[in-house]
Amino acid sequence: VRETDESFDKEWSAVDTVKYIAETKLLAFNDVDPSHLIICADTIVVDQNGKVIGKPQDLAEAKDVILALSGKKHQVYTAVAFSYLGQKISFVGLINFPRKK
């Protein structure tokens, strides 16, 4: 695990934001032998108003976020970034909540 700066421009789209953070995490491993597979990821949650929900600071805040999102429309974006033999690939997946049955 390597610490990285996860700050981003508030004007960016959710897709651009989560992909940028995952790719930034990947850059933290530039000193690793390129024959090693490096996988980094990041996930963000966007509420029904389009606001990115930041990481909760503690358990109480996490519970508040879960309660605020429960049963309400929101989106979860996850980006994955890979590096292997000098090649870098990243992609973003999206899940809409609540999920349709």
Protein backbone atom coordinates (compact mmCIF):
# COMPACT_ATOMS: atom_id res chain seq x y z
CA VAL A 1 0.00 0.00 0.00
CA ARG A 2 1.29 3.43 -0.94
CA GLU A 3 -0.28 6.71 0.03
CA THR A 4 -1.39 8.93 -2.84
CA ASP A 5 -3.05 12.29 -3.15
CA GLU A 6 -6.70 11.64 -3.95
CA SER A 7 -7.70 15.25 -4.49
CA PHE A 8 -9.41 16.14 -7.75
CA ASP A 9 -11.00 19.02 -9.62
CA LYS A 10 -14.64 19.37 -8.49
CA GLU A 11 -15.58 20.27 -12.09
CA TRP A 12 -14.58 16.84 -13.41
CA SER A 13 -17.17 14.20 -14.23
CA ALA A 14 -17.49 11.20 -11.93
CA VAL A 15 -15.89 8.97 -14.58
CA ASP A 16 -12.93 11.31 -15.04
CA THR A 17 -12.51 11.66 -11.28
CA VAL A 18 -12.46 7.99 -10.37
CA LYS A 19 -10.25 7.08 -13.34
CA TYR A 20 -7.78 9.85 -12.48
CA ILE A 21 -7.50 8.65 -8.88
CA ALA A 22 -6.96 4.99 -9.87
CA GLU A 23 -4.31 6.02 -12.42
CA THR A 24 -2.63 8.29 -9.84
CA LYS A 25 -2.41 5.33 -7.47
CA LEU A 26 -0.77 3.33 -10.25
CA LEU A 27 1.90 6.03 -10.70
CA ALA A 28 2.94 5.50 -7.07
CA PHE A 29 4.38 2.14 -8.18
CA ASN A 30 6.62 3.45 -10.99
CA ASP A 31 9.66 2.12 -9.14
CA VAL A 32 8.42 -1.50 -9.27
CA ASP A 33 9.90 -3.96 -11.78
CA PRO A 34 7.71 -3.67 -14.92
CA SER A 35 7.45 -7.46 -15.13
CA HIS A 36 5.21 -7.34 -12.05
CA LEU A 37 1.49 -6.89 -12.54
CA ILE A 38 0.26 -3.84 -10.62
CA ILE A 39 -3.47 -3.39 -10.04
CA CYS A 40 -4.93 -0.25 -8.45
CA ALA A 41 -8.55 0.78 -8.01
CA ASP A 42 -10.74 3.51 -6.64
CA THR A 43 -14.46 3.81 -5.98
CA ILE A 44 -16.64 6.88 -5.62
CA VAL A 45 -20.31 7.33 -4.83
CA VAL A 46 -22.45 10.02 -6.44
CA ASP A 47 -25.74 10.99 -4.80
CA GLN A 48 -29.00 11.70 -6.60
CA ASN A 49 -28.03 15.38 -6.91
CA GLY A 50 -24.77 14.57 -8.69
CA LYS A 51 -22.57 15.28 -5.65
CA VAL A 52 -19.53 13.07 -5.11
CA ILE A 53 -19.67 11.62 -1.59
CA GLY A 54 -16.22 11.67 -0.02
CA LYS A 55 -14.70 8.98 2.16
CA PRO A 56 -16.23 8.93 5.62
CA GLN A 57 -13.84 10.10 8.32
CA ASP A 58 -15.08 7.61 10.90
CA LEU A 59 -17.68 4.92 11.63
CA ALA A 60 -20.35 7.43 12.65
CA GLU A 61 -19.99 9.34 9.38
CA ALA A 62 -20.04 6.07 7.42
CA LYS A 63 -23.35 5.14 9.06
CA ASP A 64 -24.75 8.59 8.23
CA VAL A 65 -23.76 8.22 4.57
CA ILE A 66 -25.31 4.76 4.32
CA LEU A 67 -28.53 5.96 5.92
CA ALA A 68 -28.67 9.01 3.63
CA LEU A 69 -28.22 6.86 0.51
CA SER A 70 -30.38 3.92 1.56
CA GLY A 71 -33.31 3.48 -0.79
CA LYS A 72 -32.39 6.62 -2.76
CA LYS A 73 -31.01 6.82 -6.26
CA HIS A 74 -27.24 6.98 -6.36
CA GLN A 75 -24.38 5.70 -8.48
CA VAL A 76 -21.21 3.83 -7.60
CA TYR A 77 -18.25 4.16 -9.97
CA THR A 78 -15.18 1.96 -9.72
CA ALA A 79 -12.05 2.46 -11.81
CA VAL A 80 -9.34 -0.16 -12.16
CA ALA A 81 -5.87 0.62 -13.51
CA PHE A 82 -3.37 -2.07 -14.52
CA SER A 83 0.31 -1.89 -15.37
CA TYR A 84 2.29 -4.78 -16.83
CA LEU A 85 5.40 -4.86 -19.02
CA GLY A 86 5.18 -1.13 -19.70
CA GLN A 87 1.53 -1.25 -20.74
CA LYS A 88 -1.09 0.67 -18.77
CA ILE A 89 -4.81 0.06 -19.07
CA SER A 90 -7.68 1.52 -17.07
CA PHE A 91 -11.45 1.30 -17.18
CA VAL A 92 -14.50 2.43 -15.21
CA GLY A 93 -17.55 0.42 -14.19
CA LEU A 94 -20.87 1.84 -12.99
CA ILE A 95 -23.68 0.45 -10.84
CA ASN A 96 -26.93 2.36 -10.41
CA PHE A 97 -28.80 2.02 -7.12
CA PRO A 98 -31.36 1.03 -6.16
CA ARG A 99 -30.98 -1.84 -8.58
CA LYS A 100 -33.99 -2.81 -10.63
CA LYS A 101 -35.39 -6.24 -9.84
